Amino acid sequence: MRTALAIRSAAPGMPVGQGGERRTDSLFPARSPLYPRKMSTPRRPTEAPFPWRRNLAGIFIAAFVSLLGINFVFPFMPLYVQELGIEDADAAAAWTGNIILVSGLAGVVVAPIWGQLADRHGRKPMLLRALIGAGIALAMMAFARGVWDLLLYRTLFSLLAGTIPASNSLIAAHTPAEHLGSSMGLLQTAIQASNTGGPVLGGVLAELVGLRAAFVLTGALYVLSGGIAAVMVKERFRRPPARHSIARGVARDFRAVLTNGPLRATIVVLLLAIGGNNALFPVFPVYIQQTSHPGSATAAAGIAFGAAGLTSAVGAILAGRVLGRAGYRRVVLAAAAGTALLYLVFATRPPFWPFVGLIALSGLLQGLMLPALNALVALRSPRGGEGGTFGVVSAFQSLGFSVFPFLGGHIVQWLGLRAVFLFSAALLAGTLVAAWRLIHDERPH
């Protein structure tokens, strides 16, 4: 007769109970107090599901708060340049292009280095560096005594910034592939929502306290968003052994990206799209100054940029659903074609309120196109190297964000406003052709 307390040890091949413990021939069931669950093999921490939705929420809040602040001031940069002594509107647009070019090229140099450091030391530290460091640089712009000081502080900002590349790499590293499209769309929603409220609030703030005080408040919002990210964002990161120098790592990242055909094709399309949309950055405030508008030029520019940000946020919210139905290629093609046509209409120099309606439509199309392209970059990036990949992609983006506004500002000075709208329309037409030839018909899984 068996003794009541005889419990045979589990052997390989024995059936497994619901709790993960081996079943035995004991008289005591697995849930008995005499056969507690703690006898089962504990689950390893690495097997626990990662809270990627919490991460996404933290990144969303941090991106929104920081970019809300930056949109208090950056859309009005040509007006700040005028305040610093460059009074002619066309010359202010050209100077704005110069500042964006020099500072953007600084970003081109450091972006791959930050990406390499992200893969070595973690992506969350890079996000915190971007938020807090850039916040300090933004506050310093309030104390610029002239355009050369502004150029110096704006370059420092570019050297330290990188909120969106750091956010993209965190999302790419920890988000399931089937949710990448909607997750990138949510990040784009944060960007565009800040683009909505920032210019409107910034225009009001500039009227009340001036642009210098707005720079200080912007820096404070950046630092605040760094605190939010420190608390909410988690990272599962295992530091890899350092097998090469940072310089060799950056070279390897560039080689890996440029030899990856699908990823290289996506970057080409992304660069053209960025160029078409950002060549107009120094132009819009100047255009508004030269049209009949309600209130001051700063407030009117805030209304126009706010309308574009609002519709871009709507487009980004819809991006996950639209991408799931139509696929990445069709969305990019439709958005590029539509934006190119709108920029041709801009070239006719419509009055202020039709102009606001057109810029709102272009914002909607951008809100659909950019999440699609960023999701394609994430899907085509090697796992474990997201930081390096997005560092290289960020370098190309910084190139687009700097060179094309520089060209746009000088085209205005040389050829007038109509020419720069035609230039942007041509770049979006190039985006359409490149997407047609280089992006295959893919859909989110």
Protein backbone atom coordinates (compact mmCIF):
# COMPACT_ATOMS: atom_id res chain seq x y z
CA MET A 1 0.00 0.00 0.00
CA ARG A 2 1.36 3.40 -0.99
CA THR A 3 2.12 5.85 1.74
CA ALA A 4 0.05 9.02 1.54
CA LEU A 5 3.08 11.25 1.44
CA ALA A 6 4.95 9.40 -1.29
CA ILE A 7 5.47 11.92 -4.08
CA ARG A 8 7.49 10.78 -7.01
CA SER A 9 9.85 13.34 -8.51
CA ALA A 10 8.94 14.50 -11.97
CA ALA A 11 10.95 12.82 -14.66
CA PRO A 12 11.47 13.87 -18.24
CA GLY A 13 8.58 12.84 -20.44
CA MET A 14 5.98 12.96 -17.69
CA PRO A 15 2.83 14.98 -18.47
CA VAL A 16 2.85 18.61 -17.44
CA GLY A 17 0.12 20.24 -15.36
CA GLN A 18 -1.56 23.57 -16.00
CA GLY A 19 0.82 25.47 -13.77
CA GLY A 20 3.91 24.10 -15.49
CA GLU A 21 4.60 21.47 -12.74
CA ARG A 22 5.04 17.78 -13.44
CA ARG A 23 2.04 15.62 -12.62
CA THR A 24 2.66 12.87 -10.07
CA ASP A 25 0.87 9.86 -8.77
CA SER A 26 0.52 11.52 -5.39
CA LEU A 27 -2.83 11.40 -3.63
CA PHE A 28 -2.56 15.16 -3.33
CA PRO A 29 -3.64 17.20 -6.35
CA ALA A 30 -1.39 19.89 -7.74
CA ARG A 31 -3.47 22.62 -6.10
CA SER A 32 -3.29 21.04 -2.67
CA PRO A 33 -1.61 23.05 0.10
CA LEU A 34 0.72 20.07 0.52
CA TYR A 35 1.76 20.36 -3.13
CA PRO A 36 2.21 24.11 -3.58
CA ARG A 37 2.73 25.82 -6.92
CA LYS A 38 6.11 27.13 -5.86
CA MET A 39 7.50 23.65 -6.55
CA SER A 40 7.07 24.38 -10.27
CA THR A 41 9.95 25.80 -12.23
CA PRO A 42 9.74 29.60 -11.92
CA ARG A 43 9.31 31.58 -15.08
CA ARG A 44 12.42 33.43 -16.12
CA PRO A 45 12.11 37.22 -16.12
CA THR A 46 13.07 37.36 -19.79
CA GLU A 47 9.99 35.32 -20.64
CA ALA A 48 7.61 37.90 -19.16
CA PRO A 49 5.73 39.86 -21.79
CA PHE A 50 7.27 43.25 -22.41
CA PRO A 51 4.96 46.21 -21.65
CA TRP A 52 5.32 47.71 -25.12
CA ARG A 53 1.98 49.53 -24.86
CA ARG A 54 3.14 51.33 -21.70
CA ASN A 55 6.34 52.25 -23.49
CA LEU A 56 4.36 53.57 -26.42
CA ALA A 57 2.24 55.69 -24.08
CA GLY A 58 5.33 57.13 -22.38
CA ILE A 59 7.00 57.90 -25.70
CA PHE A 60 3.79 59.48 -26.98
CA ILE A 61 3.49 61.80 -23.96
CA ALA A 62 7.18 62.75 -23.96
CA ALA A 63 7.20 63.43 -27.70
CA PHE A 64 4.01 65.46 -27.51
CA VAL A 65 5.13 67.64 -24.59
CA SER A 66 8.59 68.33 -26.04
CA LEU A 67 7.46 68.97 -29.60
CA LEU A 68 4.58 71.10 -28.38
CA GLY A 69 7.23 73.37 -26.93
CA ILE A 70 9.41 73.43 -30.02
CA ASN A 71 6.39 74.41 -32.10
CA PHE A 72 6.00 77.46 -29.87
CA VAL A 73 9.07 78.95 -31.56
CA PHE A 74 10.46 77.15 -34.64
CA PRO A 75 7.64 78.05 -37.07
CA PHE A 76 8.38 81.70 -36.29
CA MET A 77 12.15 81.50 -36.80
CA PRO A 78 12.13 83.93 -39.78
CA LEU A 79 10.29 86.45 -37.60
CA TYR A 80 12.85 85.98 -34.80
CA VAL A 81 15.63 86.52 -37.34
CA GLN A 82 13.96 89.83 -38.24
CA GLU A 83 13.80 90.71 -34.55
CA LEU A 84 17.56 90.10 -34.35
CA GLY A 85 18.30 92.71 -37.01
CA ILE A 86 17.65 91.17 -40.47
CA GLU A 87 14.60 93.28 -41.27
CA ASP A 88 14.05 92.49 -44.97
CA ALA A 89 11.58 89.58 -45.28
CA ASP A 90 13.35 87.81 -48.18
CA ALA A 91 16.74 88.20 -46.48
CA ALA A 92 15.26 86.81 -43.25
CA ALA A 93 14.01 83.75 -45.15
CA ALA A 94 17.48 83.25 -46.66
CA TRP A 95 19.15 83.64 -43.23
CA THR A 96 16.71 81.12 -41.77
CA GLY A 97 17.75 78.71 -44.50
CA ASN A 98 21.42 79.32 -43.68
CA ILE A 99 20.86 78.62 -39.97
CA ILE A 100 18.91 75.44 -40.70
CA LEU A 101 21.59 74.25 -43.16
CA VAL A 102 24.56 74.67 -40.80
CA SER A 103 22.78 73.27 -37.76
CA GLY A 104 21.28 70.45 -39.80
CA LEU A 105 24.68 69.38 -41.12
CA ALA A 106 25.84 69.16 -37.52
CA GLY A 107 22.94 66.78 -36.95
CA VAL A 108 24.04 64.72 -39.97
CA VAL A 109 27.44 64.19 -38.35
CA VAL A 110 26.27 63.21 -34.85
CA ALA A 111 23.10 61.23 -35.62
CA PRO A 112 24.91 57.98 -36.56
CA ILE A 113 27.16 58.36 -33.51
CA TRP A 114 24.13 58.64 -31.22
CA GLY A 115 22.66 55.61 -33.00
CA GLN A 116 25.82 53.58 -32.39
CA LEU A 117 25.82 54.60 -28.72
CA ALA A 118 22.16 53.56 -28.49
CA ASP A 119 23.01 50.03 -29.62
CA ARG A 120 25.91 49.88 -27.14
CA HIS A 121 24.39 51.52 -24.06
CA GLY A 122 20.62 51.46 -24.60
CA ARG A 123 18.05 53.52 -26.44
CA LYS A 124 16.37 55.02 -23.39
CA PRO A 125 19.53 56.93 -22.31
CA MET A 126 19.69 58.42 -25.80
CA LEU A 127 16.07 59.55 -25.53
CA LEU A 128 16.78 61.25 -22.19
CA ARG A 129 19.91 62.89 -23.61
CA ALA A 130 17.94 64.24 -26.55
CA LEU A 131 15.19 65.70 -24.39
CA ILE A 132 17.23 67.27 -21.59
CA GLY A 133 20.21 68.39 -23.67
CA ALA A 134 18.07 69.93 -26.40
CA GLY A 135 15.96 71.67 -23.77
CA ILE A 136 19.02 73.47 -22.40
CA ALA A 137 20.09 74.53 -25.90
CA LEU A 138 16.61 75.84 -26.69
CA ALA A 139 16.55 77.99 -23.56
CA MET A 140 19.91 79.47 -24.59
CA MET A 141 18.39 80.75 -27.86
CA ALA A 142 16.40 83.25 -25.82
CA PHE A 143 19.64 85.07 -25.04
CA ALA A 144 20.87 85.41 -28.64
CA ARG A 145 22.22 88.91 -29.33
CA GLY A 146 22.21 88.50 -33.12
CA VAL A 147 21.87 85.95 -35.92
CA TRP A 148 25.35 84.54 -35.30
CA ASP A 149 24.46 83.72 -31.70
CA LEU A 150 21.25 82.12 -32.92
CA LEU A 151 23.25 80.05 -35.41
CA LEU A 152 25.56 78.86 -32.61
CA TYR A 153 22.73 77.88 -30.23
CA ARG A 154 20.70 76.27 -33.02
CA THR A 155 23.74 74.17 -33.95
CA LEU A 156 24.16 73.12 -30.32
CA PHE A 157 20.52 72.09 -30.33
CA SER A 158 21.09 69.91 -33.41
CA LEU A 159 24.13 68.27 -31.82
CA LEU A 160 22.14 67.26 -28.73
CA ALA A 161 18.67 66.66 -30.16
CA GLY A 162 17.19 63.51 -31.67
CA THR A 163 13.91 62.83 -29.87
CA ILE A 164 12.19 61.24 -32.85
CA PRO A 165 15.04 58.91 -33.96
CA ALA A 166 15.44 57.74 -30.35
CA SER A 167 11.68 57.20 -30.09
CA ASN A 168 11.59 55.37 -33.42
CA SER A 169 14.38 52.98 -32.37
CA LEU A 170 12.66 52.25 -29.04
CA ILE A 171 9.39 51.50 -30.80
CA ALA A 172 11.10 49.38 -33.46
CA ALA A 173 13.00 47.36 -30.84
CA HIS A 174 10.05 46.52 -28.57
CA THR A 175 6.87 46.61 -30.68
CA PRO A 176 5.48 43.45 -32.33
CA ALA A 177 5.78 43.62 -36.12
CA GLU A 178 2.02 43.50 -36.64
CA HIS A 179 1.62 46.67 -34.56
CA LEU A 180 4.48 48.70 -36.06
CA GLY A 181 2.33 50.60 -38.55
CA SER A 182 -0.21 51.72 -35.96
CA SER A 183 2.55 52.45 -33.39
CA MET A 184 4.46 54.65 -35.83
CA GLY A 185 1.13 56.28 -36.64
CA LEU A 186 0.58 57.01 -32.95
CA LEU A 187 4.02 58.62 -32.68
CA GLN A 188 3.22 60.66 -35.77
CA THR A 189 -0.04 61.65 -34.05
CA ALA A 190 1.98 63.03 -31.13
CA ILE A 191 4.17 64.95 -33.56
CA GLN A 192 1.26 66.38 -35.51
CA ALA A 193 -0.85 67.10 -32.43
CA SER A 194 2.03 69.18 -31.12
CA ASN A 195 2.24 70.79 -34.56
CA THR A 196 -1.42 71.71 -34.12
CA GLY A 197 -1.37 73.28 -30.68
CA GLY A 198 2.21 74.54 -30.66
CA PRO A 199 2.02 77.21 -33.39
CA VAL A 200 -1.35 78.51 -32.20
CA LEU A 201 -0.24 78.73 -28.57
CA GLY A 202 3.17 79.99 -29.66
CA GLY A 203 1.63 82.77 -31.70
CA VAL A 204 -0.45 83.88 -28.72
CA LEU A 205 2.52 83.53 -26.37
CA ALA A 206 4.76 85.58 -28.67
CA GLU A 207 2.16 88.32 -28.71
CA LEU A 208 1.90 88.34 -24.89
CA VAL A 209 5.51 87.91 -23.73
CA GLY A 210 7.67 87.83 -26.88
CA LEU A 211 9.62 85.13 -28.68
CA ARG A 212 12.53 85.20 -26.22
CA ALA A 213 10.32 84.11 -23.31
CA ALA A 214 8.80 81.45 -25.58
CA PHE A 215 12.27 79.91 -26.05
CA VAL A 216 12.72 79.64 -22.28
CA LEU A 217 9.32 77.96 -21.88
CA THR A 218 10.16 75.58 -24.74
CA GLY A 219 13.35 74.49 -23.00
CA ALA A 220 11.42 73.87 -19.79
CA LEU A 221 8.89 71.67 -21.62
CA TYR A 222 11.72 69.62 -23.10
CA VAL A 223 13.23 68.99 -19.67
CA LEU A 224 9.77 68.11 -18.30
CA SER A 225 9.26 65.56 -21.07
CA GLY A 226 12.62 64.04 -20.13
CA GLY A 227 11.29 63.44 -16.64
CA ILE A 228 8.16 61.81 -18.06
CA ALA A 229 10.25 59.49 -20.22
CA ALA A 230 12.51 58.58 -17.30
CA VAL A 231 9.51 57.37 -15.28
CA MET A 232 7.30 55.74 -17.94
CA VAL A 233 9.61 54.28 -20.59
CA LYS A 234 11.22 50.91 -19.91
CA GLU A 235 13.80 49.08 -21.94
CA ARG A 236 14.86 45.46 -22.08
CA PHE A 237 18.47 45.89 -23.10
CA ARG A 238 21.46 43.58 -22.85
CA ARG A 239 24.69 45.40 -23.50
CA PRO A 240 26.61 43.67 -26.29
CA PRO A 241 30.38 43.22 -26.10
CA ALA A 242 32.26 46.12 -27.67
CA ARG A 243 34.10 44.52 -30.60
CA HIS A 244 35.08 47.67 -32.46
CA SER A 245 35.41 51.42 -32.09
CA ILE A 246 32.48 53.80 -32.49
CA ALA A 247 33.93 55.05 -35.80
CA ARG A 248 34.06 51.51 -37.18
CA GLY A 249 30.59 50.88 -35.81
CA VAL A 250 29.22 53.95 -37.61
CA ALA A 251 30.93 52.85 -40.84
CA ARG A 252 29.41 49.39 -40.41
CA ASP A 253 25.94 50.90 -39.84
CA PHE A 254 26.20 52.98 -43.02
CA ARG A 255 27.41 49.94 -44.95
CA ALA A 256 24.58 47.79 -43.58
CA VAL A 257 21.96 50.39 -44.52
CA LEU A 258 23.33 51.24 -47.96
CA THR A 259 23.74 47.58 -48.95
CA ASN A 260 20.19 46.75 -47.83
CA GLY A 261 18.26 47.30 -51.07
CA PRO A 262 14.72 47.64 -49.66
CA LEU A 263 15.90 49.90 -46.81
CA ARG A 264 17.96 52.04 -49.18
CA ALA A 265 14.94 52.46 -51.46
CA THR A 266 12.78 53.56 -48.52
CA ILE A 267 15.37 56.16 -47.48
CA VAL A 268 15.43 57.62 -51.01
CA VAL A 269 11.65 58.04 -50.97
CA LEU A 270 11.72 59.44 -47.42
CA LEU A 271 14.43 61.97 -48.31
CA LEU A 272 12.46 63.26 -51.32
CA ALA A 273 9.28 63.53 -49.23
CA ILE A 274 11.10 65.45 -46.50
CA GLY A 275 12.60 67.76 -49.10
CA GLY A 276 9.29 68.53 -50.75
CA ASN A 277 7.58 69.32 -47.47
CA ASN A 278 10.42 71.20 -45.74
CA ALA A 279 11.67 73.41 -48.57
CA LEU A 280 8.71 75.61 -47.68
CA PHE A 281 9.60 75.97 -43.98
CA PRO A 282 11.29 79.40 -44.27
CA VAL A 283 8.68 80.52 -46.82
CA PHE A 284 5.29 80.26 -45.15
CA PRO A 285 5.76 83.08 -42.57
CA VAL A 286 7.09 85.34 -45.35
CA TYR A 287 4.17 84.40 -47.60
CA ILE A 288 1.68 85.22 -44.82
CA GLN A 289 3.38 88.56 -44.20
CA GLN A 290 2.75 89.47 -47.84
CA THR A 291 -0.96 88.53 -47.85
CA SER A 292 -3.96 90.11 -46.19
CA HIS A 293 -4.35 88.23 -42.90
CA PRO A 294 -6.20 88.64 -39.59
CA GLY A 295 -4.21 90.08 -36.70
CA SER A 296 -0.42 90.04 -36.60
CA ALA A 297 1.75 87.94 -38.92
CA THR A 298 2.82 85.79 -35.96
CA ALA A 299 -0.76 84.96 -34.98
CA ALA A 300 -1.76 84.32 -38.61
CA ALA A 301 1.22 81.99 -39.10
CA GLY A 302 0.18 80.18 -35.91
CA ILE A 303 -3.31 79.63 -37.36
CA ALA A 304 -1.92 78.25 -40.63
CA PHE A 305 0.62 75.93 -39.00
CA GLY A 306 -1.97 74.85 -36.44
CA ALA A 307 -4.42 73.87 -39.19
CA ALA A 308 -1.72 71.76 -40.87
CA GLY A 309 -0.82 70.13 -37.57
CA LEU A 310 -4.45 69.30 -36.77
CA THR A 311 -5.09 67.55 -40.08
CA SER A 312 -1.70 65.80 -39.88
CA ALA A 313 -2.71 64.41 -36.49
CA VAL A 314 -5.96 63.15 -38.01
CA GLY A 315 -4.01 61.50 -40.83
CA ALA A 316 -1.60 59.87 -38.38
CA ILE A 317 -4.52 58.53 -36.30
CA LEU A 318 -6.02 57.00 -39.42
CA ALA A 319 -2.66 55.71 -40.68
CA GLY A 320 -2.80 52.29 -38.98
CA ARG A 321 -6.21 51.47 -40.40
CA VAL A 322 -5.49 52.91 -43.84
CA LEU A 323 -2.14 51.13 -44.11
CA GLY A 324 -3.77 47.83 -43.13
CA ARG A 325 -6.29 48.16 -45.95
CA ALA A 326 -4.34 49.83 -48.73
CA GLY A 327 -0.71 48.88 -48.01
CA TYR A 328 2.34 51.09 -47.68
CA ARG A 329 2.96 51.60 -51.39
CA ARG A 330 -0.50 52.85 -52.29
CA VAL A 331 -0.63 55.24 -49.35
CA VAL A 332 2.74 56.79 -50.23
CA LEU A 333 1.80 57.09 -53.91
CA ALA A 334 -1.54 58.74 -53.21
CA ALA A 335 -0.13 61.13 -50.59
CA ALA A 336 2.80 62.19 -52.77
CA ALA A 337 0.59 62.81 -55.80
CA GLY A 338 -1.97 64.77 -53.79
CA THR A 339 0.66 66.95 -52.07
CA ALA A 340 2.39 67.74 -55.37
CA LEU A 341 -0.92 68.95 -56.83
CA LEU A 342 -1.60 71.10 -53.78
CA TYR A 343 1.80 72.78 -54.06
CA LEU A 344 1.03 73.65 -57.67
CA VAL A 345 -2.09 75.42 -56.41
CA PHE A 346 0.04 77.21 -53.78
CA ALA A 347 2.06 78.65 -56.67
CA THR A 348 -1.01 80.69 -57.71
CA ARG A 349 -0.64 82.56 -54.37
CA PRO A 350 -4.20 82.21 -53.05
CA PRO A 351 -5.55 84.54 -50.32
CA PHE A 352 -5.06 83.73 -46.67
CA TRP A 353 -8.10 81.58 -45.85
CA PRO A 354 -7.94 79.42 -49.02
CA PHE A 355 -4.22 79.09 -48.23
CA VAL A 356 -5.11 77.76 -44.74
CA GLY A 357 -7.46 75.22 -46.31
CA LEU A 358 -4.78 74.04 -48.73
CA ILE A 359 -2.13 73.73 -46.06
CA ALA A 360 -4.60 71.73 -43.95
CA LEU A 361 -5.11 69.27 -46.83
CA SER A 362 -1.36 68.93 -47.30
CA GLY A 363 -1.02 68.23 -43.58
CA LEU A 364 -3.55 65.39 -43.81
CA LEU A 365 -1.57 63.75 -46.63
CA GLN A 366 1.72 64.12 -44.76
CA GLY A 367 0.12 62.56 -41.70
CA LEU A 368 -0.58 59.46 -43.77
CA MET A 369 2.69 59.31 -45.71
CA LEU A 370 5.31 59.72 -42.97
CA PRO A 371 4.08 56.89 -40.67
CA ALA A 372 4.05 54.59 -43.71
CA LEU A 373 7.67 55.40 -44.56
CA ASN A 374 8.87 55.20 -40.93
CA ALA A 375 7.12 51.84 -40.49
CA LEU A 376 8.85 50.55 -43.62
CA VAL A 377 12.21 51.64 -42.20
CA ALA A 378 11.43 49.80 -38.95
CA LEU A 379 10.31 46.63 -40.74
CA ARG A 380 13.41 46.59 -42.91
CA SER A 381 15.84 47.22 -40.03
CA PRO A 382 17.84 44.31 -38.55
CA ARG A 383 16.73 43.28 -35.07
CA GLY A 384 19.19 44.40 -32.42
CA GLY A 385 20.58 47.16 -34.63
CA GLU A 386 17.62 49.52 -34.57
CA GLY A 387 19.62 52.30 -32.92
CA GLY A 388 22.34 52.22 -35.57
CA THR A 389 19.82 51.95 -38.40
CA PHE A 390 17.72 54.86 -37.21
CA GLY A 391 20.92 56.81 -36.53
CA VAL A 392 21.87 56.48 -40.20
CA VAL A 393 18.30 57.21 -41.29
CA SER A 394 18.30 60.25 -39.00
CA ALA A 395 21.51 61.47 -40.66
CA PHE A 396 19.80 61.38 -44.05
CA GLN A 397 16.71 63.03 -42.57
CA SER A 398 18.85 65.79 -41.03
CA LEU A 399 20.38 66.29 -44.45
CA GLY A 400 16.90 66.72 -45.90
CA PHE A 401 15.73 68.97 -43.06
CA SER A 402 18.76 71.23 -43.58
CA VAL A 403 19.55 71.32 -47.31
CA PHE A 404 16.02 71.75 -48.64
CA PRO A 405 14.98 74.66 -46.36
CA PHE A 406 18.30 76.29 -47.29
CA LEU A 407 17.46 75.91 -50.98
CA GLY A 408 13.88 77.07 -50.39
CA GLY A 409 15.00 80.22 -48.58
CA HIS A 410 17.44 81.16 -51.32
CA ILE A 411 15.02 80.33 -54.15
CA VAL A 412 12.65 82.89 -52.61
CA GLN A 413 15.44 85.46 -52.56
CA TRP A 414 16.55 84.70 -56.13
CA LEU A 415 13.35 83.80 -57.98
CA GLY A 416 10.41 84.73 -55.77
CA LEU A 417 7.71 82.83 -53.85
CA ARG A 418 6.07 81.13 -56.83
CA ALA A 419 9.31 79.38 -57.78
CA VAL A 420 9.76 77.67 -54.41
CA PHE A 421 6.24 76.19 -54.55
CA LEU A 422 7.04 74.77 -58.00
CA PHE A 423 10.32 73.39 -56.59
CA SER A 424 8.47 71.61 -53.78
CA ALA A 425 5.88 70.23 -56.21
CA ALA A 426 8.72 68.82 -58.34
CA LEU A 427 10.26 67.10 -55.29
CA LEU A 428 6.91 65.50 -54.41
CA ALA A 429 6.55 64.37 -58.02
CA GLY A 430 10.00 62.77 -57.60
CA THR A 431 8.71 61.09 -54.44
CA LEU A 432 5.83 59.66 -56.46
CA VAL A 433 8.12 58.26 -59.17
CA ALA A 434 10.61 56.85 -56.66
CA ALA A 435 7.86 55.16 -54.63
CA TRP A 436 6.35 53.69 -57.80
CA ARG A 437 9.68 52.18 -58.84
CA LEU A 438 11.28 51.29 -55.52
CA ILE A 439 8.58 50.35 -52.97
CA HIS A 440 6.89 47.00 -53.42
CA ASP A 441 3.24 46.39 -52.55
CA GLU A 442 3.53 45.58 -48.85
CA ARG A 443 0.98 45.58 -46.04
CA PRO A 444 1.32 45.43 -42.27
CA HIS A 445 1.29 41.82 -41.04
